Amino acid sequence: MINKETPELTGHHAIIYTCLKLNGPLGKDGIGRRTGLDVNQCSRALPLLQRMNLVELTGFTVKSDSKRPEREWRAI
């Protein structure tokens, strides 16, 4: 969740952003594996973090846990 009074990240948004900062570019499945978060939490949070100009797509794809291509994200 985003704290509306101050633009600080809280909860799983902060966890996802920190994961990308520490581990470099990852897909949503990679973020989920490293953080223990559900992949759906990652999928919903990444576009919000993108609108906040905290993460961006790399333009590359990586293999998901099911071996399908998924978009790769990085912290800005």
PDB file of N, CA and C in Angstrom:
ATOM      1  N   MET A   1       0.833  -1.178   0.000  1.00  0.00           N
ATOM      2  CA  MET A   1       0.000   0.000   0.000  1.00  0.00           C
ATOM      3  C   MET A   1       0.878   1.243   0.000  1.00  0.00           C
ATOM      4  N   ILE A   2       0.372   2.303  -0.589  1.00  0.00           N
ATOM      5  CA  ILE A   2       1.065   3.577  -0.629  1.00  0.00           C
ATOM      6  C   ILE A   2       0.470   4.467   0.460  1.00  0.00           C
ATOM      7  N   ASN A   3       1.323   5.069   1.252  1.00  0.00           N
ATOM      8  CA  ASN A   3       0.868   6.012   2.263  1.00  0.00           C
ATOM      9  C   ASN A   3       0.469   7.305   1.560  1.00  0.00           C
ATOM     10  N   LYS A   4      -0.805   7.673   1.606  1.00  0.00           N
ATOM     11  CA  LYS A   4      -1.311   8.828   0.853  1.00  0.00           C
ATOM     12  C   LYS A   4      -0.804  10.162   1.412  1.00  0.00           C
ATOM     13  N   GLU A   5      -0.476  10.200   2.697  1.00  0.00           N
ATOM     14  CA  GLU A   5      -0.029  11.457   3.291  1.00  0.00           C
ATOM     15  C   GLU A   5       1.400  11.794   2.888  1.00  0.00           C
ATOM     16  N   THR A   6       2.239  10.794   2.779  1.00  0.00           N
ATOM     17  CA  THR A   6       3.601  10.983   2.290  1.00  0.00           C
ATOM     18  C   THR A   6       3.824   9.959   1.194  1.00  0.00           C
ATOM     19  N   PRO A   7       4.609  10.273   0.203  1.00  0.00           N
ATOM     20  CA  PRO A   7       4.772   9.343  -0.924  1.00  0.00           C
ATOM     21  C   PRO A   7       5.700   8.173  -0.636  1.00  0.00           C
ATOM     22  N   GLU A   8       5.693   7.685   0.610  1.00  0.00           N
ATOM     23  CA  GLU A   8       6.523   6.554   0.968  1.00  0.00           C
ATOM     24  C   GLU A   8       5.843   5.250   0.565  1.00  0.00           C
ATOM     25  N   LEU A   9       6.645   4.292   0.202  1.00  0.00           N
ATOM     26  CA  LEU A   9       6.121   2.967  -0.095  1.00  0.00           C
ATOM     27  C   LEU A   9       5.990   2.189   1.199  1.00  0.00           C
ATOM     28  N   THR A  10       4.930   1.424   1.309  1.00  0.00           N
ATOM     29  CA  THR A  10       4.733   0.558   2.462  1.00  0.00           C
ATOM     30  C   THR A  10       4.308  -0.811   1.969  1.00  0.00           C
ATOM     31  N   GLY A  11       4.349  -1.792   2.845  1.00  0.00           N
ATOM     32  CA  GLY A  11       3.859  -3.128   2.527  1.00  0.00           C
ATOM     33  C   GLY A  11       4.559  -3.771   1.353  1.00  0.00           C
ATOM     34  N   HIS A  12       3.784  -4.480   0.550  1.00  0.00           N
ATOM     35  CA  HIS A  12       4.393  -5.237  -0.542  1.00  0.00           C
ATOM     36  C   HIS A  12       4.943  -4.344  -1.650  1.00  0.00           C
ATOM     37  N   HIS A  13       4.456  -3.112  -1.776  1.00  0.00           N
ATOM     38  CA  HIS A  13       5.039  -2.197  -2.763  1.00  0.00           C
ATOM     39  C   HIS A  13       6.497  -1.921  -2.421  1.00  0.00           C
ATOM     40  N   ALA A  14       6.774  -1.682  -1.154  1.00  0.00           N
ATOM     41  CA  ALA A  14       8.146  -1.431  -0.702  1.00  0.00           C
ATOM     42  C   ALA A  14       9.003  -2.675  -0.876  1.00  0.00           C
ATOM     43  N   ILE A  15       8.439  -3.834  -0.598  1.00  0.00           N
ATOM     44  CA  ILE A  15       9.176  -5.093  -0.735  1.00  0.00           C
ATOM     45  C   ILE A  15       9.571  -5.311  -2.198  1.00  0.00           C
ATOM     46  N   ILE A  16       8.649  -5.097  -3.114  1.00  0.00           N
ATOM     47  CA  ILE A  16       8.913  -5.298  -4.540  1.00  0.00           C
ATOM     48  C   ILE A  16       9.972  -4.317  -5.030  1.00  0.00           C
ATOM     49  N   TYR A  17       9.825  -3.045  -4.651  1.00  0.00           N
ATOM     50  CA  TYR A  17      10.800  -2.033  -5.089  1.00  0.00           C
ATOM     51  C   TYR A  17      12.193  -2.365  -4.547  1.00  0.00           C
ATOM     52  N   THR A  18      12.281  -2.732  -3.283  1.00  0.00           N
ATOM     53  CA  THR A  18      13.562  -3.083  -2.676  1.00  0.00           C
ATOM     54  C   THR A  18      14.170  -4.306  -3.341  1.00  0.00           C
ATOM     55  N   CYS A  19      13.345  -5.279  -3.665  1.00  0.00           N
ATOM     56  CA  CYS A  19      13.811  -6.489  -4.351  1.00  0.00           C
ATOM     57  C   CYS A  19      14.459  -6.133  -5.688  1.00  0.00           C
ATOM     58  N   LEU A  20      13.811  -5.273  -6.452  1.00  0.00           N
ATOM     59  CA  LEU A  20      14.370  -4.879  -7.747  1.00  0.00           C
ATOM     60  C   LEU A  20      15.646  -4.054  -7.579  1.00  0.00           C
ATOM     61  N   LYS A  21      15.700  -3.226  -6.564  1.00  0.00           N
ATOM     62  CA  LYS A  21      16.914  -2.437  -6.295  1.00  0.00           C
ATOM     63  C   LYS A  21      18.087  -3.350  -5.948  1.00  0.00           C
ATOM     64  N   LEU A  22      17.831  -4.357  -5.129  1.00  0.00           N
ATOM     65  CA  LEU A  22      18.906  -5.231  -4.662  1.00  0.00           C
ATOM     66  C   LEU A  22      19.300  -6.313  -5.660  1.00  0.00           C
ATOM     67  N   ASN A  23      18.329  -6.823  -6.424  1.00  0.00           N
ATOM     68  CA  ASN A  23      18.585  -7.973  -7.296  1.00  0.00           C
ATOM     69  C   ASN A  23      18.699  -7.632  -8.772  1.00  0.00           C
ATOM     70  N   GLY A  24      18.388  -6.413  -9.142  1.00  0.00           N
ATOM     71  CA  GLY A  24      18.419  -6.051 -10.553  1.00  0.00           C
ATOM     72  C   GLY A  24      17.136  -6.472 -11.245  1.00  0.00           C
ATOM     73  N   PRO A  25      17.119  -6.389 -12.575  1.00  0.00           N
ATOM     74  CA  PRO A  25      15.899  -6.677 -13.341  1.00  0.00           C
ATOM     75  C   PRO A  25      15.387  -8.098 -13.131  1.00  0.00           C
ATOM     76  N   LEU A  26      14.059  -8.200 -12.979  1.00  0.00           N
ATOM     77  CA  LEU A  26      13.398  -9.490 -12.768  1.00  0.00           C
ATOM     78  C   LEU A  26      12.002  -9.464 -13.373  1.00  0.00           C
ATOM     79  N   GLY A  27      11.476 -10.638 -13.648  1.00  0.00           N
ATOM     80  CA  GLY A  27      10.070 -10.782 -13.996  1.00  0.00           C
ATOM     81  C   GLY A  27       9.257 -10.918 -12.716  1.00  0.00           C
ATOM     82  N   LYS A  28       7.948 -10.915 -12.866  1.00  0.00           N
ATOM     83  CA  LYS A  28       7.078 -10.995 -11.679  1.00  0.00           C
ATOM     84  C   LYS A  28       7.265 -12.306 -10.924  1.00  0.00           C
ATOM     85  N   ASP A  29       7.511 -13.391 -11.628  1.00  0.00           N
ATOM     86  CA  ASP A  29       7.737 -14.671 -10.946  1.00  0.00           C
ATOM     87  C   ASP A  29       9.041 -14.646 -10.153  1.00  0.00           C
ATOM     88  N   GLY A  30      10.068 -14.025 -10.709  1.00  0.00           N
ATOM     89  CA  GLY A  30      11.345 -13.901 -10.002  1.00  0.00           C
ATOM     90  C   GLY A  30      11.207 -13.054  -8.752  1.00  0.00           C
ATOM     91  N   ILE A  31      10.436 -11.987  -8.846  1.00  0.00           N
ATOM     92  CA  ILE A  31      10.187 -11.135  -7.678  1.00  0.00           C
ATOM     93  C   ILE A  31       9.445 -11.937  -6.616  1.00  0.00           C
ATOM     94  N   GLY A  32       8.433 -12.675  -7.044  1.00  0.00           N
ATOM     95  CA  GLY A  32       7.658 -13.492  -6.106  1.00  0.00           C
ATOM     96  C   GLY A  32       8.511 -14.534  -5.410  1.00  0.00           C
ATOM     97  N   ARG A  33       9.403 -15.202  -6.153  1.00  0.00           N
ATOM     98  CA  ARG A  33      10.281 -16.214  -5.558  1.00  0.00           C
ATOM     99  C   ARG A  33      11.207 -15.604  -4.513  1.00  0.00           C
ATOM    100  N   ARG A  34      11.771 -14.457  -4.829  1.00  0.00           N
ATOM    101  CA  ARG A  34      12.744 -13.846  -3.923  1.00  0.00           C
ATOM    102  C   ARG A  34      12.103 -13.199  -2.695  1.00  0.00           C
ATOM    103  N   THR A  35      10.860 -12.779  -2.820  1.00  0.00           N
ATOM    104  CA  THR A  35      10.218 -12.052  -1.717  1.00  0.00           C
ATOM    105  C   THR A  35       9.217 -12.886  -0.936  1.00  0.00           C
ATOM    106  N   GLY A  36       8.748 -13.977  -1.521  1.00  0.00           N
ATOM    107  CA  GLY A  36       7.700 -14.767  -0.876  1.00  0.00           C
ATOM    108  C   GLY A  36       6.306 -14.208  -1.125  1.00  0.00           C
ATOM    109  N   LEU A  37       6.215 -13.154  -1.943  1.00  0.00           N
ATOM    110  CA  LEU A  37       4.908 -12.580  -2.273  1.00  0.00           C
ATOM    111  C   LEU A  37       4.221 -13.409  -3.346  1.00  0.00           C
ATOM    112  N   ASP A  38       2.911 -13.339  -3.375  1.00  0.00           N
ATOM    113  CA  ASP A  38       2.127 -13.988  -4.416  1.00  0.00           C
ATOM    114  C   ASP A  38       2.378 -13.265  -5.736  1.00  0.00           C
ATOM    115  N   VAL A  39       2.431 -14.012  -6.807  1.00  0.00           N
ATOM    116  CA  VAL A  39       2.676 -13.429  -8.131  1.00  0.00           C
ATOM    117  C   VAL A  39       1.598 -12.403  -8.484  1.00  0.00           C
ATOM    118  N   ASN A  40       0.357 -12.632  -8.039  1.00  0.00           N
ATOM    119  CA  ASN A  40      -0.706 -11.670  -8.312  1.00  0.00           C
ATOM    120  C   ASN A  40      -0.454 -10.338  -7.629  1.00  0.00           C
ATOM    121  N   GLN A  41       0.119 -10.364  -6.429  1.00  0.00           N
ATOM    122  CA  GLN A  41       0.475  -9.112  -5.754  1.00  0.00           C
ATOM    123  C   GLN A  41       1.511  -8.347  -6.585  1.00  0.00           C
ATOM    124  N   CYS A  42       2.470  -9.063  -7.106  1.00  0.00           N
ATOM    125  CA  CYS A  42       3.506  -8.435  -7.933  1.00  0.00           C
ATOM    126  C   CYS A  42       2.894  -7.876  -9.214  1.00  0.00           C
ATOM    127  N   SER A  43       2.031  -8.647  -9.848  1.00  0.00           N
ATOM    128  CA  SER A  43       1.414  -8.221 -11.107  1.00  0.00           C
ATOM    129  C   SER A  43       0.605  -6.948 -10.944  1.00  0.00           C
ATOM    130  N   ARG A  44      -0.082  -6.817  -9.829  1.00  0.00           N
ATOM    131  CA  ARG A  44      -0.899  -5.624  -9.592  1.00  0.00           C
ATOM    132  C   ARG A  44      -0.066  -4.429  -9.149  1.00  0.00           C
ATOM    133  N   ALA A  45       1.004  -4.687  -8.418  1.00  0.00           N
ATOM    134  CA  ALA A  45       1.812  -3.597  -7.875  1.00  0.00           C
ATOM    135  C   ALA A  45       2.745  -2.964  -8.907  1.00  0.00           C
ATOM    136  N   LEU A  46       3.257  -3.746  -9.833  1.00  0.00           N
ATOM    137  CA  LEU A  46       4.252  -3.222 -10.770  1.00  0.00           C
ATOM    138  C   LEU A  46       3.734  -2.056 -11.619  1.00  0.00           C
ATOM    139  N   PRO A  47       2.539  -2.130 -12.198  1.00  0.00           N
ATOM    140  CA  PRO A  47       2.047  -0.963 -12.953  1.00  0.00           C
ATOM    141  C   PRO A  47       1.872   0.290 -12.092  1.00  0.00           C
ATOM    142  N   LEU A  48       1.487   0.111 -10.835  1.00  0.00           N
ATOM    143  CA  LEU A  48       1.365   1.259  -9.933  1.00  0.00           C
ATOM    144  C   LEU A  48       2.742   1.869  -9.667  1.00  0.00           C
ATOM    145  N   LEU A  49       3.719   1.023  -9.403  1.00  0.00           N
ATOM    146  CA  LEU A  49       5.083   1.513  -9.198  1.00  0.00           C
ATOM    147  C   LEU A  49       5.619   2.194 -10.459  1.00  0.00           C
ATOM    148  N   GLN A  50       5.200   1.700 -11.621  1.00  0.00           N
ATOM    149  CA  GLN A  50       5.600   2.317 -12.885  1.00  0.00           C
ATOM    150  C   GLN A  50       4.994   3.717 -13.010  1.00  0.00           C
ATOM    151  N   ARG A  51       3.722   3.873 -12.656  1.00  0.00           N
ATOM    152  CA  ARG A  51       3.083   5.197 -12.712  1.00  0.00           C
ATOM    153  C   ARG A  51       3.734   6.184 -11.750  1.00  0.00           C
ATOM    154  N   MET A  52       4.332   5.663 -10.693  1.00  0.00           N
ATOM    155  CA  MET A  52       5.030   6.507  -9.725  1.00  0.00           C
ATOM    156  C   MET A  52       6.480   6.788 -10.153  1.00  0.00           C
ATOM    157  N   ASN A  53       6.850   6.280 -11.333  1.00  0.00           N
ATOM    158  CA  ASN A  53       8.214   6.434 -11.866  1.00  0.00           C
ATOM    159  C   ASN A  53       9.278   5.817 -10.967  1.00  0.00           C
ATOM    160  N   LEU A  54       8.947   4.674 -10.371  1.00  0.00           N
ATOM    161  CA  LEU A  54       9.901   3.955  -9.536  1.00  0.00           C
ATOM    162  C   LEU A  54      10.464   2.724 -10.219  1.00  0.00           C
ATOM    163  N   VAL A  55       9.691   2.145 -11.130  1.00  0.00           N
ATOM    164  CA  VAL A  55      10.148   0.996 -11.905  1.00  0.00           C
ATOM    165  C   VAL A  55       9.788   1.219 -13.372  1.00  0.00           C
ATOM    166  N   GLU A  56      10.468   0.466 -14.228  1.00  0.00           N
ATOM    167  CA  GLU A  56      10.162   0.534 -15.659  1.00  0.00           C
ATOM    168  C   GLU A  56      10.419  -0.825 -16.288  1.00  0.00           C
ATOM    169  N   LEU A  57       9.814  -1.034 -17.433  1.00  0.00           N
ATOM    170  CA  LEU A  57      10.066  -2.242 -18.206  1.00  0.00           C
ATOM    171  C   LEU A  57      11.424  -2.115 -18.864  1.00  0.00           C
ATOM    172  N   THR A  58      12.140  -3.241 -18.956  1.00  0.00           N
ATOM    173  CA  THR A  58      13.454  -3.209 -19.596  1.00  0.00           C
ATOM    174  C   THR A  58      13.360  -3.350 -21.107  1.00  0.00           C
ATOM    175  N   GLY A  59      12.234  -3.842 -21.588  1.00  0.00           N
ATOM    176  CA  GLY A  59      12.095  -4.134 -23.013  1.00  0.00           C
ATOM    177  C   GLY A  59      12.462  -5.571 -23.342  1.00  0.00           C
ATOM    178  N   PHE A  60      12.894  -6.310 -22.336  1.00  0.00           N
ATOM    179  CA  PHE A  60      13.250  -7.713 -22.514  1.00  0.00           C
ATOM    180  C   PHE A  60      12.206  -8.598 -21.854  1.00  0.00           C
ATOM    181  N   THR A  61      12.232  -9.866 -22.212  1.00  0.00           N
ATOM    182  CA  THR A  61      11.391 -10.846 -21.539  1.00  0.00           C
ATOM    183  C   THR A  61      12.292 -11.877 -20.876  1.00  0.00           C
ATOM    184  N   VAL A  62      11.775 -12.485 -19.825  1.00  0.00           N
ATOM    185  CA  VAL A  62      12.450 -13.582 -19.137  1.00  0.00           C
ATOM    186  C   VAL A  62      11.464 -14.738 -19.038  1.00  0.00           C
ATOM    187  N   LYS A  63      11.978 -15.912 -18.760  1.00  0.00           N
ATOM    188  CA  LYS A  63      11.089 -17.077 -18.630  1.00  0.00           C
ATOM    189  C   LYS A  63      10.415 -17.055 -17.265  1.00  0.00           C
ATOM    190  N   SER A  64       9.104 -17.270 -17.289  1.00  0.00           N
ATOM    191  CA  SER A  64       8.345 -17.371 -16.041  1.00  0.00           C
ATOM    192  C   SER A  64       8.577 -18.751 -15.439  1.00  0.00           C
ATOM    193  N   ASP A  65       7.997 -18.998 -14.288  1.00  0.00           N
ATOM    194  CA  ASP A  65       8.111 -20.319 -13.663  1.00  0.00           C
ATOM    195  C   ASP A  65       7.512 -21.407 -14.534  1.00  0.00           C
ATOM    196  N   SER A  66       6.551 -21.028 -15.375  1.00  0.00           N
ATOM    197  CA  SER A  66       5.939 -22.012 -16.276  1.00  0.00           C
ATOM    198  C   SER A  66       6.632 -22.029 -17.636  1.00  0.00           C
ATOM    199  N   LYS A  67       7.805 -21.378 -17.734  1.00  0.00           N
ATOM    200  CA  LYS A  67       8.647 -21.335 -18.938  1.00  0.00           C
ATOM    201  C   LYS A  67       8.060 -20.490 -20.062  1.00  0.00           C
ATOM    202  N   ARG A  68       7.079 -19.673 -19.746  1.00  0.00           N
ATOM    203  CA  ARG A  68       6.528 -18.752 -20.741  1.00  0.00           C
ATOM    204  C   ARG A  68       7.223 -17.401 -20.594  1.00  0.00           C
ATOM    205  N   PRO A  69       7.287 -16.625 -21.684  1.00  0.00           N
ATOM    206  CA  PRO A  69       7.926 -15.314 -21.569  1.00  0.00           C
ATOM    207  C   PRO A  69       7.072 -14.345 -20.744  1.00  0.00           C
ATOM    208  N   GLU A  70       7.743 -13.585 -19.895  1.00  0.00           N
ATOM    209  CA  GLU A  70       7.077 -12.517 -19.143  1.00  0.00           C
ATOM    210  C   GLU A  70       7.966 -11.286 -19.186  1.00  0.00           C
ATOM    211  N   ARG A  71       7.358 -10.139 -18.995  1.00  0.00           N
ATOM    212  CA  ARG A  71       8.096  -8.884 -19.075  1.00  0.00           C
ATOM    213  C   ARG A  71       9.059  -8.748 -17.900  1.00  0.00           C
ATOM    214  N   GLU A  72      10.184  -8.122 -18.193  1.00  0.00           N
ATOM    215  CA  GLU A  72      11.202  -7.895 -17.166  1.00  0.00           C
ATOM    216  C   GLU A  72      11.116  -6.437 -16.683  1.00  0.00           C
ATOM    217  N   TRP A  73      11.217  -6.253 -15.368  1.00  0.00           N
ATOM    218  CA  TRP A  73      11.109  -4.951 -14.737  1.00  0.00           C
ATOM    219  C   TRP A  73      12.403  -4.586 -14.037  1.00  0.00           C
ATOM    220  N   ARG A  74      12.675  -3.291 -13.925  1.00  0.00           N
ATOM    221  CA  ARG A  74      13.837  -2.823 -13.168  1.00  0.00           C
ATOM    222  C   ARG A  74      13.456  -1.580 -12.375  1.00  0.00           C
ATOM    223  N   ALA A  75      14.158  -1.399 -11.254  1.00  0.00           N
ATOM    224  CA  ALA A  75      13.975  -0.190 -10.448  1.00  0.00           C
ATOM    225  C   ALA A  75      14.702   0.956 -11.125  1.00  0.00           C
ATOM    226  N   ILE A  76      14.123   2.141 -11.017  1.00  0.00           N
ATOM    227  CA  ILE A  76      14.750   3.334 -11.616  1.00  0.00           C
ATOM    228  C   ILE A  76      15.571   4.022 -10.535  1.00  0.00           C
TER     229      ILE A  76
END
